[in-house]
Amino acid sequence: MNGTRKNSGRRKHSGNDQQDASFEVLEGDRSRVIGSLHFTTVSALLPLGVDAVIGGRAAVIDLAGVTSSDSSGLALLIEWLSVAKGASHTLRYDNIPSQLQQLARLSEVEELLVPG
């Protein structure tokens, strides 16, 4: 992927299994998330994504670097969509991992992440 990292936030959780996640603002209106989207990481990512969405630096968020997720990760993505809507901005997710797609389908919110 082409893009220069301009800003990043990193939250590490040191438990039995190391969980790490970052939100990076790229060039233009693109951003990306890398790492695990779990209860222990999403609280640090939330304000980074909110700032990027409101600032017009996250019309597209690439999720190709997401290595794992639980329902907290799904809630995070839905919250960023809500923030975008409230700010009258568009937000689209690229490269949604199958694990997140399955969670969204089971939770009956898949159409929020992947508009028809």
N, C-alpha and C. Protein backbone atom coordinates (compact mmCIF):
# COMPACT_ATOMS: atom_id res chain seq x y z
N MET A 1 0.83 -1.17 0.00
CA MET A 1 0.00 0.00 0.00
C MET A 1 0.88 1.23 0.00
N ASN A 2 0.57 2.18 -0.86
CA ASN A 2 1.30 3.43 -0.87
C ASN A 2 0.70 4.35 0.15
N GLY A 3 1.53 5.05 0.86
CA GLY A 3 1.03 5.99 1.86
C GLY A 3 2.07 6.22 2.91
N THR A 4 2.21 7.44 3.26
CA THR A 4 3.18 7.81 4.28
C THR A 4 2.48 7.95 5.60
N ARG A 5 3.04 7.38 6.63
CA ARG A 5 2.46 7.49 7.95
C ARG A 5 2.68 8.90 8.47
N LYS A 6 1.59 9.57 8.87
CA LYS A 6 1.70 10.92 9.37
C LYS A 6 1.50 11.00 10.87
N ASN A 7 0.68 10.12 11.41
CA ASN A 7 0.35 10.17 12.83
C ASN A 7 -0.05 8.77 13.25
N SER A 8 0.35 8.36 14.41
CA SER A 8 -0.10 7.05 14.85
C SER A 8 -0.30 7.06 16.35
N GLY A 9 -1.16 6.19 16.78
CA GLY A 9 -1.36 5.97 18.19
C GLY A 9 -1.18 4.50 18.43
N ARG A 10 -0.55 4.15 19.49
CA ARG A 10 -0.29 2.74 19.75
C ARG A 10 -0.67 2.44 21.19
N ARG A 11 -1.38 1.36 21.34
CA ARG A 11 -1.78 0.90 22.66
C ARG A 11 -1.32 -0.53 22.80
N LYS A 12 -0.56 -0.81 23.81
CA LYS A 12 -0.10 -2.19 24.03
C LYS A 12 -0.72 -2.73 25.31
N HIS A 13 -1.05 -3.98 25.24
CA HIS A 13 -1.57 -4.69 26.40
C HIS A 13 -0.62 -5.83 26.68
N SER A 14 -0.07 -5.84 27.88
CA SER A 14 0.87 -6.93 28.20
C SER A 14 0.19 -7.94 29.10
N GLY A 15 -0.38 -8.93 28.47
CA GLY A 15 -1.01 -10.02 29.20
C GLY A 15 -0.34 -11.31 28.79
N ASN A 16 -1.06 -12.41 28.90
CA ASN A 16 -0.49 -13.69 28.50
C ASN A 16 -0.17 -13.72 27.02
N ASP A 17 -1.04 -13.12 26.22
CA ASP A 17 -0.76 -13.00 24.79
C ASP A 17 -0.68 -11.51 24.47
N GLN A 18 0.42 -11.12 23.91
CA GLN A 18 0.66 -9.70 23.62
C GLN A 18 -0.34 -9.21 22.58
N GLN A 19 -1.13 -8.21 22.94
CA GLN A 19 -2.06 -7.61 22.00
C GLN A 19 -1.61 -6.18 21.77
N ASP A 20 -1.60 -5.78 20.52
CA ASP A 20 -1.10 -4.49 20.14
C ASP A 20 -1.94 -4.00 18.97
N ALA A 21 -2.23 -2.71 18.95
CA ALA A 21 -2.98 -2.14 17.84
C ALA A 21 -2.55 -0.71 17.63
N SER A 22 -2.64 -0.26 16.39
CA SER A 22 -2.32 1.13 16.09
C SER A 22 -3.29 1.67 15.05
N PHE A 23 -3.50 2.98 15.10
CA PHE A 23 -4.28 3.71 14.11
C PHE A 23 -3.33 4.68 13.45
N GLU A 24 -3.25 4.61 12.15
CA GLU A 24 -2.31 5.47 11.42
C GLU A 24 -3.03 6.29 10.37
N VAL A 25 -2.78 7.59 10.38
CA VAL A 25 -3.30 8.48 9.35
C VAL A 25 -2.30 8.49 8.20
N LEU A 26 -2.79 8.23 7.01
CA LEU A 26 -1.95 8.18 5.82
C LEU A 26 -2.15 9.47 5.02
N GLU A 27 -1.74 9.47 3.78
CA GLU A 27 -1.92 10.64 2.93
C GLU A 27 -3.38 10.82 2.55
N GLY A 28 -3.76 12.06 2.33
CA GLY A 28 -5.11 12.36 1.88
C GLY A 28 -6.12 12.05 2.95
N ASP A 29 -7.15 11.33 2.56
CA ASP A 29 -8.24 11.02 3.49
C ASP A 29 -8.25 9.54 3.88
N ARG A 30 -7.08 8.92 3.85
CA ARG A 30 -6.97 7.49 4.16
C ARG A 30 -6.27 7.27 5.49
N SER A 31 -6.73 6.26 6.20
CA SER A 31 -6.11 5.83 7.45
C SER A 31 -6.10 4.32 7.45
N ARG A 32 -5.43 3.74 8.45
CA ARG A 32 -5.43 2.28 8.57
C ARG A 32 -5.32 1.88 10.03
N VAL A 33 -5.80 0.68 10.28
CA VAL A 33 -5.70 0.07 11.60
C VAL A 33 -4.85 -1.18 11.44
N ILE A 34 -3.92 -1.35 12.38
CA ILE A 34 -3.04 -2.51 12.36
C ILE A 34 -3.06 -3.16 13.74
N GLY A 35 -3.17 -4.49 13.78
CA GLY A 35 -3.10 -5.22 15.03
C GLY A 35 -4.43 -5.82 15.46
N SER A 36 -4.54 -6.04 16.75
CA SER A 36 -5.71 -6.73 17.33
C SER A 36 -6.74 -5.72 17.82
N LEU A 37 -7.99 -5.93 17.43
CA LEU A 37 -9.08 -5.10 17.91
C LEU A 37 -9.82 -5.87 18.99
N HIS A 38 -9.43 -5.63 20.22
CA HIS A 38 -10.01 -6.32 21.36
C HIS A 38 -10.32 -5.31 22.46
N PHE A 39 -11.02 -5.76 23.46
CA PHE A 39 -11.40 -4.92 24.59
C PHE A 39 -10.21 -4.13 25.14
N THR A 40 -9.04 -4.74 25.14
CA THR A 40 -7.86 -4.10 25.73
C THR A 40 -7.22 -3.06 24.82
N THR A 41 -7.60 -3.01 23.54
CA THR A 41 -6.95 -2.07 22.62
C THR A 41 -7.88 -1.00 22.06
N VAL A 42 -9.17 -1.27 22.00
CA VAL A 42 -10.06 -0.34 21.29
C VAL A 42 -10.23 1.01 22.00
N SER A 43 -10.12 1.04 23.31
CA SER A 43 -10.31 2.32 24.01
C SER A 43 -9.23 3.33 23.64
N ALA A 44 -8.03 2.87 23.35
CA ALA A 44 -6.96 3.78 22.91
C ALA A 44 -7.15 4.20 21.46
N LEU A 45 -7.74 3.34 20.65
CA LEU A 45 -7.93 3.64 19.23
C LEU A 45 -9.13 4.56 18.99
N LEU A 46 -10.14 4.48 19.84
CA LEU A 46 -11.37 5.24 19.63
C LEU A 46 -11.12 6.72 19.39
N PRO A 47 -10.44 7.44 20.29
CA PRO A 47 -10.27 8.88 20.05
C PRO A 47 -9.39 9.20 18.85
N LEU A 48 -8.46 8.33 18.52
CA LEU A 48 -7.61 8.56 17.34
C LEU A 48 -8.44 8.53 16.07
N GLY A 49 -9.32 7.53 15.98
CA GLY A 49 -10.21 7.43 14.82
C GLY A 49 -11.21 8.56 14.77
N VAL A 50 -11.76 8.93 15.93
CA VAL A 50 -12.73 10.03 15.99
C VAL A 50 -12.08 11.31 15.47
N ASP A 51 -10.88 11.62 15.95
CA ASP A 51 -10.18 12.83 15.50
C ASP A 51 -9.93 12.80 14.00
N ALA A 52 -9.52 11.65 13.48
CA ALA A 52 -9.23 11.54 12.05
C ALA A 52 -10.51 11.67 11.22
N VAL A 53 -11.59 11.06 11.67
CA VAL A 53 -12.86 11.14 10.94
C VAL A 53 -13.36 12.58 10.93
N ILE A 54 -13.40 13.20 12.08
CA ILE A 54 -13.90 14.58 12.17
C ILE A 54 -13.00 15.53 11.39
N GLY A 55 -11.70 15.26 11.39
CA GLY A 55 -10.75 16.11 10.68
C GLY A 55 -10.67 15.84 9.18
N GLY A 56 -11.46 14.91 8.68
CA GLY A 56 -11.46 14.61 7.25
C GLY A 56 -10.26 13.82 6.78
N ARG A 57 -9.59 13.14 7.72
CA ARG A 57 -8.41 12.36 7.37
C ARG A 57 -8.69 10.86 7.38
N ALA A 58 -9.98 10.51 7.44
CA ALA A 58 -10.33 9.08 7.48
C ALA A 58 -11.65 8.81 6.77
N ALA A 59 -11.73 9.19 5.51
CA ALA A 59 -12.91 8.83 4.73
C ALA A 59 -12.86 7.35 4.37
N VAL A 60 -11.64 6.82 4.34
CA VAL A 60 -11.43 5.39 4.08
C VAL A 60 -10.46 4.88 5.14
N ILE A 61 -10.87 3.82 5.83
CA ILE A 61 -10.00 3.18 6.81
C ILE A 61 -9.72 1.76 6.33
N ASP A 62 -8.45 1.48 6.11
CA ASP A 62 -8.02 0.17 5.64
C ASP A 62 -7.82 -0.76 6.83
N LEU A 63 -8.47 -1.91 6.79
CA LEU A 63 -8.41 -2.87 7.88
C LEU A 63 -7.59 -4.11 7.53
N ALA A 64 -6.81 -4.04 6.45
CA ALA A 64 -6.03 -5.20 6.02
C ALA A 64 -5.03 -5.65 7.09
N GLY A 65 -4.59 -4.74 7.94
CA GLY A 65 -3.61 -5.07 8.97
C GLY A 65 -4.20 -5.58 10.26
N VAL A 66 -5.51 -5.72 10.33
CA VAL A 66 -6.16 -6.24 11.54
C VAL A 66 -5.92 -7.73 11.62
N THR A 67 -5.30 -8.16 12.70
CA THR A 67 -4.92 -9.56 12.84
C THR A 67 -5.98 -10.39 13.56
N SER A 68 -6.77 -9.77 14.43
CA SER A 68 -7.85 -10.47 15.12
C SER A 68 -8.79 -9.43 15.71
N SER A 69 -9.99 -9.88 16.05
CA SER A 69 -10.98 -8.96 16.61
C SER A 69 -12.02 -9.73 17.41
N ASP A 70 -12.62 -9.00 18.33
CA ASP A 70 -13.79 -9.52 19.04
C ASP A 70 -14.91 -8.50 18.86
N SER A 71 -15.98 -8.64 19.61
CA SER A 71 -17.11 -7.74 19.45
C SER A 71 -16.76 -6.30 19.80
N SER A 72 -15.73 -6.07 20.60
CA SER A 72 -15.29 -4.72 20.90
C SER A 72 -14.77 -4.03 19.64
N GLY A 73 -14.09 -4.78 18.80
CA GLY A 73 -13.60 -4.23 17.53
C GLY A 73 -14.75 -3.85 16.62
N LEU A 74 -15.76 -4.69 16.56
CA LEU A 74 -16.94 -4.39 15.76
C LEU A 74 -17.63 -3.14 16.29
N ALA A 75 -17.75 -3.03 17.60
CA ALA A 75 -18.37 -1.84 18.20
C ALA A 75 -17.57 -0.58 17.87
N LEU A 76 -16.25 -0.69 17.86
CA LEU A 76 -15.40 0.44 17.51
C LEU A 76 -15.70 0.92 16.09
N LEU A 77 -15.78 0.01 15.14
CA LEU A 77 -16.04 0.39 13.75
C LEU A 77 -17.41 1.03 13.60
N ILE A 78 -18.39 0.51 14.31
CA ILE A 78 -19.74 1.09 14.27
C ILE A 78 -19.74 2.48 14.88
N GLU A 79 -19.00 2.67 15.96
CA GLU A 79 -18.92 3.99 16.59
C GLU A 79 -18.28 5.01 15.65
N TRP A 80 -17.21 4.63 14.95
CA TRP A 80 -16.59 5.55 13.99
C TRP A 80 -17.57 5.90 12.88
N LEU A 81 -18.40 4.95 12.44
CA LEU A 81 -19.42 5.26 11.43
C LEU A 81 -20.42 6.27 11.97
N SER A 82 -20.79 6.11 13.23
CA SER A 82 -21.73 7.04 13.86
C SER A 82 -21.14 8.44 13.95
N VAL A 83 -19.87 8.53 14.31
CA VAL A 83 -19.19 9.82 14.38
C VAL A 83 -19.16 10.48 13.00
N ALA A 84 -18.84 9.69 11.97
CA ALA A 84 -18.80 10.22 10.61
C ALA A 84 -20.16 10.76 10.19
N LYS A 85 -21.19 10.00 10.48
CA LYS A 85 -22.55 10.44 10.13
C LYS A 85 -22.90 11.72 10.86
N GLY A 86 -22.57 11.80 12.14
CA GLY A 86 -22.86 13.01 12.92
C GLY A 86 -22.11 14.22 12.44
N ALA A 87 -20.94 14.01 11.84
CA ALA A 87 -20.13 15.11 11.31
C ALA A 87 -20.40 15.35 9.82
N SER A 88 -21.40 14.66 9.27
CA SER A 88 -21.74 14.75 7.85
C SER A 88 -20.56 14.40 6.94
N HIS A 89 -19.80 13.38 7.37
CA HIS A 89 -18.69 12.87 6.57
C HIS A 89 -19.02 11.45 6.13
N THR A 90 -18.40 11.02 5.06
CA THR A 90 -18.54 9.63 4.65
C THR A 90 -17.38 8.84 5.24
N LEU A 91 -17.62 7.58 5.47
CA LEU A 91 -16.59 6.67 5.98
C LEU A 91 -16.83 5.32 5.36
N ARG A 92 -15.77 4.74 4.82
CA ARG A 92 -15.82 3.42 4.21
C ARG A 92 -14.66 2.60 4.76
N TYR A 93 -14.91 1.32 4.97
CA TYR A 93 -13.86 0.40 5.40
C TYR A 93 -13.42 -0.44 4.22
N ASP A 94 -12.12 -0.52 4.03
CA ASP A 94 -11.54 -1.39 2.99
C ASP A 94 -10.90 -2.60 3.65
N ASN A 95 -10.90 -3.71 2.94
CA ASN A 95 -10.21 -4.93 3.36
C ASN A 95 -10.67 -5.41 4.74
N ILE A 96 -11.97 -5.50 4.92
CA ILE A 96 -12.51 -5.95 6.20
C ILE A 96 -12.18 -7.44 6.36
N PRO A 97 -11.48 -7.80 7.44
CA PRO A 97 -11.14 -9.21 7.65
C PRO A 97 -12.40 -10.07 7.79
N SER A 98 -12.28 -11.32 7.37
CA SER A 98 -13.44 -12.22 7.40
C SER A 98 -13.98 -12.40 8.82
N GLN A 99 -13.10 -12.39 9.82
CA GLN A 99 -13.55 -12.53 11.20
C GLN A 99 -14.51 -11.39 11.59
N LEU A 100 -14.18 -10.16 11.19
CA LEU A 100 -15.06 -9.03 11.47
C LEU A 100 -16.34 -9.11 10.65
N GLN A 101 -16.25 -9.55 9.41
CA GLN A 101 -17.45 -9.72 8.60
C GLN A 101 -18.39 -10.74 9.21
N GLN A 102 -17.83 -11.84 9.72
CA GLN A 102 -18.66 -12.86 10.36
C GLN A 102 -19.32 -12.33 11.62
N LEU A 103 -18.58 -11.59 12.43
CA LEU A 103 -19.17 -10.98 13.64
C LEU A 103 -20.30 -10.03 13.25
N ALA A 104 -20.08 -9.23 12.22
CA ALA A 104 -21.11 -8.28 11.78
C ALA A 104 -22.34 -9.02 11.27
N ARG A 105 -22.12 -10.12 10.54
CA ARG A 105 -23.24 -10.90 10.02
C ARG A 105 -24.05 -11.52 11.16
N LEU A 106 -23.34 -12.11 12.13
CA LEU A 106 -24.02 -12.72 13.28
C LEU A 106 -24.77 -11.69 14.12
N SER A 107 -24.23 -10.49 14.16
CA SER A 107 -24.86 -9.41 14.93
C SER A 107 -25.90 -8.64 14.13
N GLU A 108 -26.08 -9.06 12.88
CA GLU A 108 -27.04 -8.44 11.96
C GLU A 108 -26.78 -6.96 11.74
N VAL A 109 -25.48 -6.60 11.63
CA VAL A 109 -25.09 -5.22 11.33
C VAL A 109 -24.15 -5.15 10.14
N GLU A 110 -24.08 -6.24 9.37
CA GLU A 110 -23.16 -6.31 8.24
C GLU A 110 -23.39 -5.16 7.25
N GLU A 111 -24.66 -4.77 7.05
CA GLU A 111 -24.96 -3.70 6.08
C GLU A 111 -24.39 -2.35 6.52
N LEU A 112 -24.07 -2.20 7.80
CA LEU A 112 -23.43 -0.97 8.25
C LEU A 112 -21.98 -0.90 7.79
N LEU A 113 -21.29 -2.03 7.84
CA LEU A 113 -19.87 -2.06 7.45
C LEU A 113 -19.70 -2.14 5.95
N VAL A 114 -20.58 -2.87 5.29
CA VAL A 114 -20.50 -3.07 3.85
C VAL A 114 -21.83 -2.67 3.24
N PRO A 115 -22.01 -1.37 2.97
CA PRO A 115 -23.29 -0.92 2.42
C PRO A 115 -23.60 -1.61 1.10
N GLY A 116 -24.86 -1.97 0.92
CA GLY A 116 -25.29 -2.68 -0.28
C GLY A 116 -25.23 -1.80 -1.47
